[in-house]
Amino acid sequence: MNHLYSRNWWAVSRFLSVVVAAIALLFATSARAAAPGITVAAGGTFNLNAGAGYSSQPDGVAIYSWGYGCVSDSATYLPADFQGIGHCPTMQLPGPTLIVHEGTSFTVSLTNSLPTPAGNTSILFPGLTVTATSCGATPNGLLTCEAAPGATVTYTVSAPVGTAGTHAYYSGTQQDLQIEMGLFGAVIVLPSATPGNCTSSATVAAHRVDYRLAPAAYNHALTCYDREYLTQWSEIDSRIHAQAESQLKLIASCPTITAVQFSCPTKLNVVTEPYRANYFLINGRSMPDNMDANFAPNYPNQPYNANPHMHPGELVLLRVVGQGHLQHPFHEHGNHVRILARDGNLLLAQANNPTGSTLLAGRMEFNTDTTPGQAFDGIFLWSGKGLGWDIFGHTPGNAGNPICSSDANGYFTTASGASIPTYNSAGTMISGSSNYYEWCADHNVPLEANPIGSVGAGGPITLPDPLIIADGLWFNGTPYLGPDATLRSSGPTPMAPGKATQNPTPESGIAFMWHSHNEREITTNDVFPGGMLQMMLVDPYVWNIDETL
């Protein structure tokens, strides 16, 4: 029996027993995300390889896959803090993220290291301009220049002004099979210029690393951002992958198991319809694997995670690419997402408003659907505004209760006397306002009717008594954000009797589930939860977010 279908039921049962803890891990996990990728100087060359390997799934199954990778692991990584962390294997899922600049050209050299029976392969760059190929004037494939087995082709690609943003790249050969097998990736085109109103890395607080690829997604004052995350959404029908693997083994062994009765097959003949996906991936991984770190060694062919973090009030740029066969209804809990652009096309209103400036025209969306072959950029913001209670658990009776003076927008910021937090080299906050960007209208407003601990009373709800229940290892036992609330909301002792915890007290973040709204897509081979599920973790400013972990 093929190993893909010989279920390791012990692994499945273990997966079921620990997966709830894995979800809760997001409240304190050290794994974070950025938008890591590889880059070259203007006019430089990305030396890519199309190869075969296996992708690891949370139920213990290794699925035979194809993917783009690097001919050599020596590459220049961005953000720069990933230079000593990143690696680029000869095959990965998804392919390496290529980071280039608007107004420049680059070359992609593609070597076809797929098994010979897989035939030719290629790359398409929708939204960008292929100005030359090694095939000359006439492409040898239906859509583009193709590399025969063992051969190398080159594409000279231009990213002219006006193409900044996020784009997909994928195979242009036998797409029903090759894209399904994993031959796809993303191109991030950084703007050639950015507006002057964006926060520069020079003004970022001490020891707070700037992980942005650029200060703004586009050369537009309303596209500035503080953090960014790239996710690529795809799916796997494991039966298709099993067919490809078994046919390749048959072709390879045919001369030793047959006489002269019939001719040995030399090419794959994989049936790709009817299509029924049973694994659902974000950045090549299913939940909870996508919560582990970028470049974690236990996923040698799946280097990218999907585990965003932020501080209240930060503008988070979402770069999202739909790959594969299906559209997925991506829902970001916590707030709507303002769509900035699709396939690098900034959505602008007509310049007929009273100020004469060009405003954004993208919608605020509850579900940001991912469409195969299409990318979008959007901005997500969470601040705690309008909750109706103090998310930090402040109460007037506490001597250490900080002030909250509103700026013109109602928040506690430098404009109203707050200090931006600064950190030492170990990432510990050493100065600044612990409640930076608090929504001041809710300051000191209680949540609980009769709380245990030194938090305000008279609120609308009653929570379970923390002195008579035992929380899990990853729950801090409080609905509040930040270390003060954790220490003051659980009664006379810092934790309930008999409780152990692995949740760092200073962090005490809150988590929002980000996931597909198609419930079947948050399973791993029909086991819930899994699949297209990630968490956005909101940390207080006292916690320095290290996106390389």
Protein backbone atom coordinates (compact mmCIF):
# COMPACT_ATOMS: atom_id res chain seq x y z
CA MET A 1 0.00 0.00 0.00
CA ASN A 2 1.31 3.47 -0.84
CA HIS A 3 2.68 5.19 2.27
CA LEU A 4 0.37 8.15 1.62
CA TYR A 5 -2.65 6.04 2.46
CA SER A 6 -1.16 3.84 5.19
CA ARG A 7 -2.55 5.97 7.97
CA ASN A 8 -0.38 6.42 11.01
CA TRP A 9 -3.37 6.37 13.36
CA TRP A 10 -1.18 6.95 16.37
CA ALA A 11 -0.05 10.22 14.82
CA VAL A 12 -3.64 11.15 14.00
CA SER A 13 -4.88 10.47 17.53
CA ARG A 14 -1.94 12.34 18.99
CA PHE A 15 -2.72 15.22 16.65
CA LEU A 16 -6.29 15.31 17.93
CA SER A 17 -5.23 15.25 21.58
CA VAL A 18 -2.74 18.11 21.37
CA VAL A 19 -4.21 20.33 18.69
CA VAL A 20 -6.23 22.41 21.14
CA ALA A 21 -3.04 23.13 23.04
CA ALA A 22 -1.39 23.98 19.74
CA ILE A 23 -4.06 26.60 19.05
CA ALA A 24 -3.67 28.07 22.52
CA LEU A 25 0.06 28.20 21.96
CA LEU A 26 -0.60 31.24 19.83
CA PHE A 27 -1.23 33.19 23.00
CA ALA A 28 2.44 32.87 23.87
CA THR A 29 4.23 31.29 20.94
CA SER A 30 7.69 32.53 20.08
CA ALA A 31 7.18 31.89 16.35
CA ARG A 32 6.46 35.02 14.37
CA ALA A 33 6.29 35.98 10.75
CA ALA A 34 7.48 38.64 8.37
CA ALA A 35 7.69 38.58 4.57
CA PRO A 36 11.07 36.90 4.06
CA GLY A 37 12.42 36.30 0.59
CA ILE A 38 15.50 36.52 -1.61
CA THR A 39 16.67 39.45 -3.67
CA VAL A 40 19.22 40.46 -6.30
CA ALA A 41 20.60 43.80 -7.41
CA ALA A 42 18.98 45.52 -10.38
CA GLY A 43 19.73 43.45 -13.46
CA GLY A 44 20.78 40.48 -11.34
CA THR A 45 19.80 36.82 -11.73
CA PHE A 46 17.72 34.48 -9.59
CA ASN A 47 19.02 30.95 -10.20
CA LEU A 48 15.97 28.78 -9.61
CA ASN A 49 15.46 25.04 -9.81
CA ALA A 50 12.29 23.00 -10.34
CA GLY A 51 12.60 19.81 -8.33
CA ALA A 52 10.77 17.06 -6.48
CA GLY A 53 10.50 16.36 -2.76
CA TYR A 54 8.00 15.88 0.04
CA SER A 55 5.82 18.24 2.05
CA SER A 56 5.08 17.43 5.69
CA GLN A 57 1.53 17.50 7.03
CA PRO A 58 0.32 17.68 10.65
CA ASP A 59 -1.27 14.22 10.51
CA GLY A 60 2.12 12.61 9.94
CA VAL A 61 1.79 12.20 6.17
CA ALA A 62 4.58 13.18 3.78
CA ILE A 63 3.10 14.13 0.40
CA TYR A 64 5.15 13.82 -2.79
CA SER A 65 5.36 17.31 -4.31
CA TRP A 66 7.17 19.48 -6.81
CA GLY A 67 8.36 23.00 -6.23
CA TYR A 68 10.67 25.79 -7.26
CA GLY A 69 13.83 26.27 -5.22
CA CYS A 70 17.36 27.59 -5.53
CA VAL A 71 20.19 26.02 -7.48
CA SER A 72 22.49 27.11 -4.65
CA ASP A 73 21.62 27.94 -1.06
CA SER A 74 23.78 31.07 -1.20
CA ALA A 75 21.33 33.94 -1.56
CA THR A 76 20.71 37.45 -0.25
CA TYR A 77 17.75 37.47 2.11
CA LEU A 78 15.36 40.24 3.07
CA PRO A 79 14.59 41.47 5.66
CA ALA A 80 18.32 41.62 6.43
CA ASP A 81 17.85 39.95 9.84
CA PHE A 82 17.02 36.72 8.00
CA GLN A 83 20.42 36.56 6.30
CA GLY A 84 21.85 34.20 8.89
CA ILE A 85 18.58 32.29 9.30
CA GLY A 86 17.18 31.72 5.83
CA HIS A 87 17.86 28.79 3.56
CA CYS A 88 16.69 28.05 0.04
CA PRO A 89 16.54 24.34 -0.83
CA THR A 90 16.42 23.01 -4.39
CA MET A 91 12.69 22.48 -3.98
CA GLN A 92 10.31 24.27 -1.63
CA LEU A 93 6.58 24.88 -1.19
CA PRO A 94 5.78 27.61 -2.10
CA GLY A 95 8.73 28.68 -4.25
CA PRO A 96 11.18 31.34 -3.05
CA THR A 97 9.66 34.79 -2.64
CA LEU A 98 11.45 37.06 -5.12
CA ILE A 99 11.90 40.65 -3.92
CA VAL A 100 12.71 43.28 -6.56
CA HIS A 101 12.33 47.02 -7.06
CA GLU A 102 9.95 48.89 -9.30
CA GLY A 103 11.59 50.31 -12.39
CA THR A 104 14.23 47.59 -12.67
CA SER A 105 14.75 44.36 -14.57
CA PHE A 106 15.91 40.97 -13.34
CA THR A 107 16.65 37.58 -14.85
CA VAL A 108 15.34 34.21 -13.73
CA SER A 109 17.38 31.18 -14.75
CA LEU A 110 15.25 28.03 -14.40
CA THR A 111 16.76 24.55 -14.36
CA ASN A 112 14.35 21.65 -14.83
CA SER A 113 15.34 18.97 -12.30
CA LEU A 114 11.92 17.31 -12.25
CA PRO A 115 11.85 13.59 -13.04
CA THR A 116 12.21 13.12 -16.80
CA PRO A 117 8.70 11.63 -17.25
CA ALA A 118 7.26 14.90 -15.88
CA GLY A 119 8.33 16.60 -19.11
CA ASN A 120 8.96 20.29 -19.64
CA THR A 121 8.32 23.06 -17.14
CA SER A 122 8.35 26.88 -17.13
CA ILE A 123 7.42 30.04 -15.20
CA LEU A 124 4.87 32.75 -15.94
CA PHE A 125 5.10 36.23 -14.36
CA PRO A 126 1.60 37.75 -14.65
CA GLY A 127 1.52 41.51 -14.17
CA LEU A 128 5.21 41.84 -15.06
CA THR A 129 6.79 42.01 -18.50
CA VAL A 130 9.00 39.24 -19.89
CA THR A 131 11.24 41.13 -22.29
CA ALA A 132 13.45 38.23 -23.44
CA THR A 133 13.85 34.47 -23.08
CA SER A 134 16.54 32.01 -24.09
CA CYS A 135 14.04 30.46 -26.52
CA GLY A 136 14.30 33.42 -28.85
CA ALA A 137 11.31 34.98 -30.57
CA THR A 138 9.15 31.86 -30.60
CA PRO A 139 8.37 30.22 -27.25
CA ASN A 140 8.56 26.43 -27.43
CA GLY A 141 5.54 26.01 -25.16
CA LEU A 142 1.92 27.00 -25.39
CA LEU A 143 2.36 30.02 -23.11
CA THR A 144 6.08 30.66 -22.69
CA CYS A 145 9.61 29.36 -23.06
CA GLU A 146 9.89 25.90 -21.45
CA ALA A 147 12.82 23.99 -19.98
CA ALA A 148 13.15 20.38 -21.10
CA PRO A 149 14.17 17.79 -18.49
CA GLY A 150 17.71 18.56 -17.35
CA ALA A 151 17.84 21.81 -19.34
CA THR A 152 17.95 25.47 -18.29
CA VAL A 153 16.03 28.43 -19.69
CA THR A 154 16.22 32.12 -18.79
CA TYR A 155 13.60 34.84 -18.55
CA THR A 156 14.45 38.53 -18.48
CA VAL A 157 11.65 40.23 -16.56
CA SER A 158 10.88 43.92 -16.25
CA ALA A 159 9.04 45.47 -13.31
CA PRO A 160 8.29 48.88 -14.83
CA VAL A 161 7.02 51.86 -12.86
CA GLY A 162 3.42 51.14 -11.93
CA THR A 163 3.94 47.47 -11.02
CA ALA A 164 4.76 47.84 -7.31
CA GLY A 165 2.89 45.41 -5.06
CA THR A 166 2.42 41.67 -4.74
CA HIS A 167 2.31 39.29 -7.71
CA ALA A 168 2.12 35.55 -8.27
CA TYR A 169 4.41 33.43 -10.39
CA TYR A 170 3.65 29.87 -11.43
CA SER A 171 4.22 27.21 -14.05
CA GLY A 172 2.95 27.84 -17.56
CA THR A 173 3.19 24.17 -18.51
CA GLN A 174 0.49 21.53 -17.94
CA GLN A 175 -0.89 23.79 -15.25
CA ASP A 176 -3.61 21.43 -14.01
CA LEU A 177 -0.86 19.11 -12.79
CA GLN A 178 2.21 21.28 -12.22
CA ILE A 179 0.56 24.02 -10.16
CA GLU A 180 -1.25 21.35 -8.14
CA MET A 181 2.07 19.65 -7.46
CA GLY A 182 3.45 22.93 -6.05
CA LEU A 183 5.10 24.94 -8.83
CA PHE A 184 4.16 28.45 -7.74
CA GLY A 185 5.54 31.39 -5.71
CA ALA A 186 5.32 35.14 -5.22
CA VAL A 187 7.10 38.28 -6.42
CA ILE A 188 7.12 41.38 -4.23
CA VAL A 189 7.86 44.57 -6.17
CA LEU A 190 8.93 47.37 -3.86
CA PRO A 191 8.05 50.95 -4.88
CA SER A 192 10.83 53.01 -6.42
CA ALA A 193 9.86 55.93 -4.17
CA THR A 194 7.84 56.20 -0.98
CA PRO A 195 5.98 59.15 0.56
CA GLY A 196 7.80 61.23 3.16
CA ASN A 197 5.08 60.92 5.79
CA CYS A 198 5.85 57.25 6.56
CA THR A 199 7.70 56.30 9.74
CA SER A 200 11.36 55.79 8.87
CA SER A 201 13.57 53.16 10.42
CA ALA A 202 15.58 55.96 12.04
CA THR A 203 12.62 56.90 14.23
CA VAL A 204 11.82 53.38 15.35
CA ALA A 205 12.35 52.97 19.10
CA ALA A 206 15.69 51.72 20.39
CA HIS A 207 16.32 48.03 19.67
CA ARG A 208 12.98 47.70 17.92
CA VAL A 209 14.01 46.19 14.60
CA ASP A 210 12.33 47.43 11.44
CA TYR A 211 11.27 44.30 9.52
CA ARG A 212 9.48 46.15 6.74
CA LEU A 213 10.67 45.71 3.17
CA ALA A 214 9.76 49.36 2.53
CA PRO A 215 8.05 52.19 4.47
CA ALA A 216 5.02 52.00 2.17
CA ALA A 217 3.46 49.45 -0.15
CA TYR A 218 3.10 52.06 -2.91
CA ASN A 219 4.21 55.63 -3.53
CA HIS A 220 1.04 56.91 -1.92
CA ALA A 221 0.66 58.59 1.46
CA LEU A 222 -2.18 56.25 2.51
CA THR A 223 -0.22 53.03 1.97
CA CYS A 224 2.29 53.43 4.81
CA TYR A 225 2.53 50.48 7.20
CA ASP A 226 4.32 49.24 10.32
CA ARG A 227 4.53 45.46 9.74
CA GLU A 228 3.90 43.18 6.78
CA TYR A 229 3.05 39.53 6.21
CA LEU A 230 2.81 37.47 3.02
CA THR A 231 0.52 34.45 2.78
CA GLN A 232 -0.05 32.15 -0.19
CA TRP A 233 -3.19 30.02 -0.14
CA SER A 234 -3.24 26.65 -1.87
CA GLU A 235 -4.64 23.17 -1.53
CA ILE A 236 -3.66 19.58 -2.25
CA ASP A 237 -5.63 16.65 -3.64
CA SER A 238 -3.35 13.92 -2.29
CA ARG A 239 -4.72 11.37 -4.78
CA ILE A 240 -3.18 13.36 -7.64
CA HIS A 241 0.18 13.47 -5.89
CA ALA A 242 -0.03 9.73 -5.16
CA GLN A 243 -0.74 9.03 -8.83
CA ALA A 244 2.31 11.03 -9.92
CA GLU A 245 4.55 9.28 -7.40
CA SER A 246 3.33 5.77 -8.19
CA GLN A 247 3.56 6.30 -11.96
CA LEU A 248 7.12 7.57 -11.63
CA LYS A 249 8.06 4.47 -9.63
CA LEU A 250 6.39 2.25 -12.23
CA ILE A 251 8.22 3.94 -15.09
CA ALA A 252 11.54 3.64 -13.26
CA SER A 253 11.06 -0.07 -12.52
CA CYS A 254 9.39 -1.09 -15.75
CA PRO A 255 12.45 -2.66 -17.51
CA THR A 256 13.06 -4.96 -14.54
CA ILE A 257 9.51 -6.25 -14.17
CA THR A 258 8.42 -6.78 -17.77
CA ALA A 259 9.47 -8.86 -20.72
CA VAL A 260 8.76 -7.81 -24.29
CA GLN A 261 4.98 -8.09 -24.03
CA PHE A 262 4.36 -4.32 -24.00
CA SER A 263 6.23 -1.04 -24.20
CA CYS A 264 7.17 0.71 -20.96
CA PRO A 265 5.53 4.10 -20.38
CA THR A 266 7.86 7.07 -20.52
CA LYS A 267 5.58 9.97 -19.57
CA LEU A 268 3.17 10.71 -16.76
CA ASN A 269 -0.54 10.37 -17.42
CA VAL A 270 -2.04 11.74 -14.19
CA VAL A 271 -5.81 12.24 -13.96
CA THR A 272 -6.52 15.59 -12.32
CA GLU A 273 -10.34 15.59 -12.42
CA PRO A 274 -12.65 15.28 -10.59
CA TYR A 275 -10.77 17.44 -8.11
CA ARG A 276 -11.31 17.08 -4.36
CA ALA A 277 -8.75 18.75 -2.13
CA ASN A 278 -8.11 17.22 1.30
CA TYR A 279 -5.17 19.33 2.50
CA PHE A 280 -5.44 23.11 2.77
CA LEU A 281 -2.28 25.17 3.08
CA ILE A 282 -1.14 28.67 3.99
CA ASN A 283 2.45 29.22 2.88
CA GLY A 284 2.80 25.51 2.20
CA ARG A 285 1.87 24.44 5.73
CA SER A 286 -1.34 23.41 7.50
CA MET A 287 -2.27 24.47 11.03
CA PRO A 288 -0.63 23.97 13.53
CA ASP A 289 2.59 23.61 11.50
CA ASN A 290 2.19 27.12 10.09
CA MET A 291 2.55 28.47 13.64
CA ASP A 292 6.16 27.30 13.88
CA ALA A 293 8.98 29.64 12.94
CA ASN A 294 10.08 30.65 9.47
CA PHE A 295 12.85 28.29 8.29
CA ALA A 296 12.14 25.81 11.10
CA PRO A 297 14.37 22.77 10.46
CA ASN A 298 11.50 20.29 10.83
CA TYR A 299 10.00 21.62 7.55
CA PRO A 300 13.00 21.47 5.17
CA ASN A 301 10.85 22.05 2.07
CA GLN A 302 8.30 24.43 3.65
CA PRO A 303 10.30 27.39 4.95
CA TYR A 304 7.58 30.01 5.43
CA ASN A 305 5.16 30.25 8.35
CA ALA A 306 1.87 32.13 8.82
CA ASN A 307 1.86 33.57 12.32
CA PRO A 308 1.42 37.36 12.37
CA HIS A 309 1.99 39.55 15.42
CA MET A 310 1.31 43.24 16.02
CA HIS A 311 0.97 45.95 18.65
CA PRO A 312 -2.28 47.89 19.10
CA GLY A 313 -2.61 50.67 16.55
CA GLU A 314 -0.01 49.37 14.13
CA LEU A 315 -0.88 49.31 10.44
CA VAL A 316 -0.30 45.77 9.18
CA LEU A 317 0.18 45.22 5.44
CA LEU A 318 -1.29 41.92 4.27
CA ARG A 319 0.16 40.55 1.04
CA VAL A 320 -2.11 37.67 -0.02
CA VAL A 321 -1.77 35.44 -3.09
CA GLY A 322 -4.29 32.84 -4.24
CA GLN A 323 -2.57 29.78 -5.69
CA GLY A 324 -3.91 26.39 -6.68
CA HIS A 325 -7.41 25.58 -7.95
CA LEU A 326 -9.91 27.09 -5.52
CA GLN A 327 -11.11 30.41 -4.18
CA HIS A 328 -10.89 30.66 -0.39
CA PRO A 329 -12.96 33.03 1.82
CA PHE A 330 -10.21 34.46 4.04
CA HIS A 331 -11.67 36.03 7.18
CA GLU A 332 -9.57 38.19 9.49
CA HIS A 333 -11.17 38.37 12.94
CA GLY A 334 -10.69 41.60 14.88
CA ASN A 335 -11.45 44.11 12.14
CA HIS A 336 -12.15 44.55 8.46
CA VAL A 337 -9.30 44.89 5.95
CA ARG A 338 -8.90 47.92 3.71
CA ILE A 339 -8.02 46.64 0.22
CA LEU A 340 -5.23 48.73 -1.28
CA ALA A 341 -4.55 46.99 -4.59
CA ARG A 342 -5.08 43.88 -6.68
CA ASP A 343 -2.20 42.41 -8.66
CA GLY A 344 -0.21 45.57 -8.04
CA ASN A 345 -2.96 47.85 -9.32
CA LEU A 346 -3.54 50.50 -6.65
CA LEU A 347 -7.28 51.19 -6.32
CA LEU A 348 -7.70 54.98 -6.51
CA ALA A 349 -10.69 57.28 -6.53
CA GLN A 350 -11.03 60.02 -9.10
CA ALA A 351 -9.15 63.18 -8.18
CA ASN A 352 -12.28 65.31 -7.87
CA ASN A 353 -12.52 65.67 -4.08
CA PRO A 354 -12.32 69.15 -2.50
CA THR A 355 -8.63 68.82 -1.61
CA GLY A 356 -7.67 67.72 -5.09
CA SER A 357 -5.78 64.71 -3.77
CA THR A 358 -6.25 61.16 -4.96
CA LEU A 359 -7.90 58.99 -2.30
CA LEU A 360 -7.98 55.23 -2.01
CA ALA A 361 -11.00 53.49 -3.49
CA GLY A 362 -10.53 49.99 -2.08
CA ARG A 363 -13.31 48.57 0.06
CA MET A 364 -13.27 47.63 3.72
CA GLU A 365 -13.87 43.87 3.50
CA PHE A 366 -15.15 41.37 6.07
CA ASN A 367 -13.91 38.44 3.96
CA THR A 368 -10.92 39.01 1.70
CA ASP A 369 -11.42 36.18 -0.76
CA THR A 370 -8.30 34.66 -2.29
CA THR A 371 -8.62 33.89 -6.00
CA PRO A 372 -6.28 31.51 -7.90
CA GLY A 373 -3.59 33.48 -9.69
CA GLN A 374 -4.62 36.78 -8.13
CA ALA A 375 -2.92 38.80 -5.38
CA PHE A 376 -4.13 41.63 -3.20
CA ASP A 377 -2.58 44.03 -0.71
CA GLY A 378 -4.57 45.28 2.25
CA ILE A 379 -4.18 47.11 5.57
CA PHE A 380 -5.36 45.67 8.89
CA LEU A 381 -5.64 47.71 12.10
CA TRP A 382 -6.63 46.71 15.64
CA SER A 383 -6.63 49.23 18.49
CA GLY A 384 -9.27 48.11 21.01
CA LYS A 385 -11.37 51.14 20.14
CA GLY A 386 -15.02 50.82 21.08
CA LEU A 387 -14.78 47.68 23.23
CA GLY A 388 -16.67 49.43 26.01
CA TRP A 389 -14.24 48.24 28.70
CA ASP A 390 -10.56 48.68 29.56
CA ILE A 391 -8.58 46.01 27.69
CA PHE A 392 -5.59 46.67 29.98
CA GLY A 393 -7.61 46.04 33.17
CA HIS A 394 -6.83 49.48 34.58
CA THR A 395 -8.70 50.61 37.70
CA PRO A 396 -8.51 53.95 39.55
CA GLY A 397 -7.76 52.26 42.90
CA ASN A 398 -4.40 50.90 41.74
CA ALA A 399 -1.46 53.10 42.67
CA GLY A 400 0.42 52.09 39.53
CA ASN A 401 -2.46 52.89 37.19
CA PRO A 402 -1.09 54.92 34.25
CA ILE A 403 -2.75 57.96 32.82
CA CYS A 404 -4.49 58.01 29.44
CA SER A 405 -4.68 61.39 27.74
CA SER A 406 -6.39 61.45 24.37
CA ASP A 407 -4.78 62.76 21.25
CA ALA A 408 -6.91 64.26 18.50
CA ASN A 409 -8.04 60.76 17.49
CA GLY A 410 -8.80 59.53 21.01
CA TYR A 411 -5.63 57.47 21.59
CA PHE A 412 -2.75 57.76 24.06
CA THR A 413 0.20 58.57 21.81
CA THR A 414 3.17 60.90 21.66
CA ALA A 415 0.77 63.62 20.54
CA SER A 416 -0.90 63.49 23.97
CA GLY A 417 2.11 62.93 26.20
CA ALA A 418 2.83 59.20 25.84
CA SER A 419 6.36 57.91 25.31
CA ILE A 420 7.19 55.34 22.65
CA PRO A 421 8.47 52.19 24.38
CA THR A 422 12.18 51.44 24.06
CA TYR A 423 13.90 48.12 24.62
CA ASN A 424 17.32 46.87 25.58
CA SER A 425 19.34 44.45 23.49
CA ALA A 426 17.55 41.51 25.12
CA GLY A 427 14.18 42.87 23.97
CA THR A 428 13.03 43.95 27.45
CA MET A 429 11.16 47.23 27.67
CA ILE A 430 13.24 49.77 29.61
CA SER A 431 11.24 52.96 29.14
CA GLY A 432 8.07 54.32 27.62
CA SER A 433 4.32 54.07 28.18
CA SER A 434 3.13 50.51 28.76
CA ASN A 435 -0.37 51.46 27.58
CA TYR A 436 0.81 53.22 24.43
CA TYR A 437 -2.05 53.59 21.90
CA GLU A 438 -4.75 52.86 24.48
CA TRP A 439 -8.26 54.01 23.51
CA CYS A 440 -8.78 56.54 26.28
CA ALA A 441 -12.59 56.55 26.24
CA ASP A 442 -12.48 53.06 27.76
CA HIS A 443 -9.75 53.81 30.31
CA ASN A 444 -10.78 52.50 33.77
CA VAL A 445 -14.11 51.17 32.43
CA PRO A 446 -14.70 47.77 34.14
CA LEU A 447 -15.49 44.52 32.40
CA GLU A 448 -16.36 42.22 35.33
CA ALA A 449 -19.27 42.51 37.74
CA ASN A 450 -17.52 40.97 40.77
CA PRO A 451 -13.91 40.26 39.84
CA ILE A 452 -11.26 38.35 41.72
CA GLY A 453 -8.18 40.53 42.00
CA SER A 454 -7.38 44.22 41.76
CA VAL A 455 -9.40 45.14 38.69
CA GLY A 456 -12.48 47.29 38.45
CA ALA A 457 -15.90 46.01 39.48
CA GLY A 458 -19.38 46.88 38.28
CA GLY A 459 -19.00 45.68 34.71
CA PRO A 460 -21.55 43.69 32.69
CA ILE A 461 -20.18 40.11 32.91
CA THR A 462 -19.09 37.47 35.41
CA LEU A 463 -16.05 35.38 34.57
CA PRO A 464 -15.18 31.95 36.02
CA ASP A 465 -13.48 32.19 39.40
CA PRO A 466 -9.74 31.71 38.68
CA LEU A 467 -9.23 30.30 42.18
CA ILE A 468 -11.36 27.23 41.56
CA ILE A 469 -10.52 26.36 37.95
CA ALA A 470 -7.31 25.16 36.35
CA ASP A 471 -6.32 26.88 33.13
CA GLY A 472 -4.18 25.25 30.47
CA LEU A 473 -0.47 25.89 30.16
CA TRP A 474 -0.91 28.49 27.46
CA PHE A 475 -3.76 30.59 28.88
CA ASN A 476 -2.89 33.48 31.18
CA GLY A 477 -6.25 33.25 32.97
CA THR A 478 -7.35 36.78 32.12
CA PRO A 479 -9.21 38.54 29.30
CA TYR A 480 -6.96 41.57 29.67
CA LEU A 481 -3.95 42.72 27.67
CA GLY A 482 -0.55 43.29 29.22
CA PRO A 483 1.46 42.36 32.31
CA ASP A 484 -0.29 44.60 34.86
CA ALA A 485 -3.63 43.01 34.12
CA THR A 486 -2.18 39.51 34.36
CA LEU A 487 -0.69 40.15 37.78
CA ARG A 488 -3.74 41.96 39.17
CA SER A 489 -6.69 40.02 37.76
CA SER A 490 -6.10 36.56 39.21
CA GLY A 491 -6.54 37.13 42.93
CA PRO A 492 -4.02 37.29 45.78
CA THR A 493 -1.63 34.85 44.08
CA PRO A 494 -0.18 35.31 40.59
CA MET A 495 -1.89 32.14 39.39
CA ALA A 496 -4.64 29.78 40.48
CA PRO A 497 -3.67 27.02 42.97
CA GLY A 498 -1.88 24.11 41.35
CA LYS A 499 -1.52 25.89 38.03
CA ALA A 500 1.63 25.92 35.93
CA THR A 501 2.03 28.26 33.01
CA GLN A 502 4.30 28.72 30.02
CA ASN A 503 2.72 32.01 28.97
CA PRO A 504 5.26 34.83 29.44
CA THR A 505 3.71 37.24 31.92
CA PRO A 506 4.90 40.43 30.19
CA GLU A 507 3.39 39.35 26.86
CA SER A 508 -0.17 38.36 27.77
CA GLY A 509 -1.38 38.96 24.25
CA ILE A 510 -4.79 38.38 22.74
CA ALA A 511 -5.38 36.25 19.66
CA PHE A 512 -7.70 36.63 16.70
CA MET A 513 -8.34 33.61 14.49
CA TRP A 514 -7.63 34.26 10.83
CA HIS A 515 -8.96 31.44 8.69
CA SER A 516 -10.97 30.24 5.74
CA HIS A 517 -14.71 30.69 6.23
CA ASN A 518 -15.24 27.43 4.33
CA GLU A 519 -15.34 25.14 7.36
CA ARG A 520 -14.02 22.13 5.46
CA GLU A 521 -10.89 24.10 4.64
CA ILE A 522 -9.91 24.35 8.32
CA THR A 523 -9.38 20.60 8.47
CA THR A 524 -6.37 18.40 7.70
CA ASN A 525 -7.59 15.45 5.64
CA ASP A 526 -11.02 15.88 7.28
CA VAL A 527 -9.60 16.16 10.81
CA PHE A 528 -10.57 19.38 12.62
CA PRO A 529 -8.92 21.76 13.37
CA GLY A 530 -6.19 22.25 10.83
CA GLY A 531 -5.78 23.48 7.29
CA MET A 532 -6.21 27.16 6.50
CA LEU A 533 -6.12 28.51 10.02
CA GLN A 534 -3.70 30.98 11.56
CA MET A 535 -3.78 33.45 14.45
CA MET A 536 -3.07 37.16 14.63
CA LEU A 537 -1.52 37.80 18.03
CA VAL A 538 -1.84 41.32 19.44
CA ASP A 539 0.91 41.98 21.98
CA PRO A 540 1.13 44.95 24.35
CA TYR A 541 3.91 47.42 23.69
CA VAL A 542 5.86 46.13 26.69
CA TRP A 543 6.58 43.03 24.57
CA ASN A 544 9.15 43.49 21.80
CA ILE A 545 8.13 41.49 18.72
CA ASP A 546 11.03 39.61 17.14
CA GLU A 547 9.79 38.55 13.72
CA THR A 548 12.73 36.25 13.05
CA LEU A 549 11.67 33.75 15.73
